[in-house]
Amino acid sequence: MTEISILEIEHRLIQAEENIKELYAKYNGVDKSLVAATTTLNNLLTLVSEMKASVEALKAKPGTFWDKLIFALIGAAVSAIVTHFTGG
């Protein structure tokens, strides 16, 4: 069996510490990126919800227009009939 000198053990320990520091640095970078990505996704979800509400409002608008038009025509017809029968 080969014996490992104290200097070699110290060298390996220093390398291991450096590797651990690099690993923590990478982990912290990934963690910050994940927070940024989550924030961006939440903002996108909010925008999509707002757009969906706007689209629904726009989809309902033509129906509202036609409803108003039909009610106006019915009102005009009723007024014309009443005016005709009352002799106006």
C-alpha atoms as a PDB file:
ATOM      1  CA  MET A   1       0.000   0.000   0.000  1.00  0.00           C
ATOM      2  CA  THR A   2       1.276   3.400  -0.845  1.00  0.00           C
ATOM      3  CA  GLU A   3       1.455   5.891   1.897  1.00  0.00           C
ATOM      4  CA  ILE A   4       0.135   9.385   1.293  1.00  0.00           C
ATOM      5  CA  SER A   5       2.220  12.181   2.633  1.00  0.00           C
ATOM      6  CA  ILE A   6       0.765  14.976   4.738  1.00  0.00           C
ATOM      7  CA  LEU A   7       1.650  17.473   2.006  1.00  0.00           C
ATOM      8  CA  GLU A   8      -0.372  15.480  -0.529  1.00  0.00           C
ATOM      9  CA  ILE A   9      -3.321  15.275   1.886  1.00  0.00           C
ATOM     10  CA  GLU A  10      -3.142  19.038   2.463  1.00  0.00           C
ATOM     11  CA  HIS A  11      -2.982  19.621  -1.295  1.00  0.00           C
ATOM     12  CA  ARG A  12      -6.049  17.426  -1.872  1.00  0.00           C
ATOM     13  CA  LEU A  13      -7.913  19.139   0.956  1.00  0.00           C
ATOM     14  CA  ILE A  14      -7.185  22.568  -0.528  1.00  0.00           C
ATOM     15  CA  GLN A  15      -8.403  21.370  -3.941  1.00  0.00           C
ATOM     16  CA  ALA A  16     -11.556  19.933  -2.364  1.00  0.00           C
ATOM     17  CA  GLU A  17     -12.245  23.253  -0.593  1.00  0.00           C
ATOM     18  CA  GLU A  18     -11.809  25.143  -3.863  1.00  0.00           C
ATOM     19  CA  ASN A  19     -14.142  22.733  -5.641  1.00  0.00           C
ATOM     20  CA  ILE A  20     -16.738  23.177  -2.902  1.00  0.00           C
ATOM     21  CA  LYS A  21     -16.482  26.983  -3.203  1.00  0.00           C
ATOM     22  CA  GLU A  22     -16.988  26.736  -6.972  1.00  0.00           C
ATOM     23  CA  LEU A  23     -19.953  24.434  -6.454  1.00  0.00           C
ATOM     24  CA  TYR A  24     -21.573  26.869  -4.011  1.00  0.00           C
ATOM     25  CA  ALA A  25     -20.924  29.767  -6.400  1.00  0.00           C
ATOM     26  CA  LYS A  26     -22.607  27.860  -9.244  1.00  0.00           C
ATOM     27  CA  TYR A  27     -25.515  26.894  -6.986  1.00  0.00           C
ATOM     28  CA  ASN A  28     -26.028  30.519  -5.935  1.00  0.00           C
ATOM     29  CA  GLY A  29     -25.953  31.599  -9.579  1.00  0.00           C
ATOM     30  CA  VAL A  30     -28.558  28.986 -10.510  1.00  0.00           C
ATOM     31  CA  ASP A  31     -30.673  29.991  -7.524  1.00  0.00           C
ATOM     32  CA  LYS A  32     -30.645  33.653  -8.584  1.00  0.00           C
ATOM     33  CA  SER A  33     -31.464  32.672 -12.161  1.00  0.00           C
ATOM     34  CA  LEU A  34     -34.363  30.552 -10.940  1.00  0.00           C
ATOM     35  CA  VAL A  35     -35.766  33.475  -8.951  1.00  0.00           C
ATOM     36  CA  ALA A  36     -35.478  35.732 -12.005  1.00  0.00           C
ATOM     37  CA  ALA A  37     -37.150  33.138 -14.230  1.00  0.00           C
ATOM     38  CA  THR A  38     -39.966  32.629 -11.728  1.00  0.00           C
ATOM     39  CA  THR A  39     -40.558  36.373 -11.541  1.00  0.00           C
ATOM     40  CA  THR A  40     -40.636  36.623 -15.323  1.00  0.00           C
ATOM     41  CA  LEU A  41     -43.090  33.719 -15.587  1.00  0.00           C
ATOM     42  CA  ASN A  42     -45.367  35.276 -12.971  1.00  0.00           C
ATOM     43  CA  ASN A  43     -45.348  38.535 -14.921  1.00  0.00           C
ATOM     44  CA  LEU A  44     -46.155  36.669 -18.130  1.00  0.00           C
ATOM     45  CA  LEU A  45     -49.043  34.838 -16.454  1.00  0.00           C
ATOM     46  CA  THR A  46     -50.431  38.151 -15.258  1.00  0.00           C
ATOM     47  CA  LEU A  47     -50.172  39.616 -18.761  1.00  0.00           C
ATOM     48  CA  VAL A  48     -51.833  36.555 -20.292  1.00  0.00           C
ATOM     49  CA  SER A  49     -54.708  36.856 -17.815  1.00  0.00           C
ATOM     50  CA  GLU A  50     -55.148  40.531 -18.678  1.00  0.00           C
ATOM     51  CA  MET A  51     -55.046  39.747 -22.393  1.00  0.00           C
ATOM     52  CA  LYS A  52     -57.611  36.982 -21.936  1.00  0.00           C
ATOM     53  CA  ALA A  53     -59.949  39.394 -20.146  1.00  0.00           C
ATOM     54  CA  SER A  54     -59.465  41.967 -22.921  1.00  0.00           C
ATOM     55  CA  VAL A  55     -60.177  39.390 -25.622  1.00  0.00           C
ATOM     56  CA  GLU A  56     -63.328  38.263 -23.820  1.00  0.00           C
ATOM     57  CA  ALA A  57     -64.488  41.881 -23.588  1.00  0.00           C
ATOM     58  CA  LEU A  58     -63.818  42.376 -27.302  1.00  0.00           C
ATOM     59  CA  LYS A  59     -65.668  39.175 -28.141  1.00  0.00           C
ATOM     60  CA  ALA A  60     -68.709  40.377 -26.204  1.00  0.00           C
ATOM     61  CA  LYS A  61     -68.674  43.847 -27.785  1.00  0.00           C
ATOM     62  CA  PRO A  62     -70.151  42.902 -31.212  1.00  0.00           C
ATOM     63  CA  GLY A  63     -72.942  40.999 -29.469  1.00  0.00           C
ATOM     64  CA  THR A  64     -73.713  44.040 -27.360  1.00  0.00           C
ATOM     65  CA  PHE A  65     -73.791  46.206 -30.494  1.00  0.00           C
ATOM     66  CA  TRP A  66     -76.267  43.902 -32.231  1.00  0.00           C
ATOM     67  CA  ASP A  67     -78.424  43.695 -29.111  1.00  0.00           C
ATOM     68  CA  LYS A  68     -78.622  47.499 -28.959  1.00  0.00           C
ATOM     69  CA  LEU A  69     -79.413  47.704 -32.663  1.00  0.00           C
ATOM     70  CA  ILE A  70     -82.221  45.148 -32.427  1.00  0.00           C
ATOM     71  CA  PHE A  71     -83.718  46.875 -29.370  1.00  0.00           C
ATOM     72  CA  ALA A  72     -83.557  50.215 -31.206  1.00  0.00           C
ATOM     73  CA  LEU A  73     -85.312  48.739 -34.253  1.00  0.00           C
ATOM     74  CA  ILE A  74     -87.995  47.140 -32.102  1.00  0.00           C
ATOM     75  CA  GLY A  75     -88.456  50.422 -30.255  1.00  0.00           C
ATOM     76  CA  ALA A  76     -88.745  52.320 -33.517  1.00  0.00           C
ATOM     77  CA  ALA A  77     -91.263  49.807 -34.867  1.00  0.00           C
ATOM     78  CA  VAL A  78     -93.364  49.984 -31.704  1.00  0.00           C
ATOM     79  CA  SER A  79     -93.239  53.800 -31.805  1.00  0.00           C
ATOM     80  CA  ALA A  80     -94.314  53.794 -35.448  1.00  0.00           C
ATOM     81  CA  ILE A  81     -97.208  51.428 -34.713  1.00  0.00           C
ATOM     82  CA  VAL A  82     -98.356  53.458 -31.702  1.00  0.00           C
ATOM     83  CA  THR A  83     -98.065  56.706 -33.697  1.00  0.00           C
ATOM     84  CA  HIS A  84    -100.042  55.151 -36.574  1.00  0.00           C
ATOM     85  CA  PHE A  85    -102.885  53.950 -34.338  1.00  0.00           C
ATOM     86  CA  THR A  86    -103.082  57.128 -32.263  1.00  0.00           C
ATOM     87  CA  GLY A  87    -103.402  59.225 -35.380  1.00  0.00           C
ATOM     88  CA  GLY A  88    -100.189  61.150 -34.876  1.00  0.00           C
END
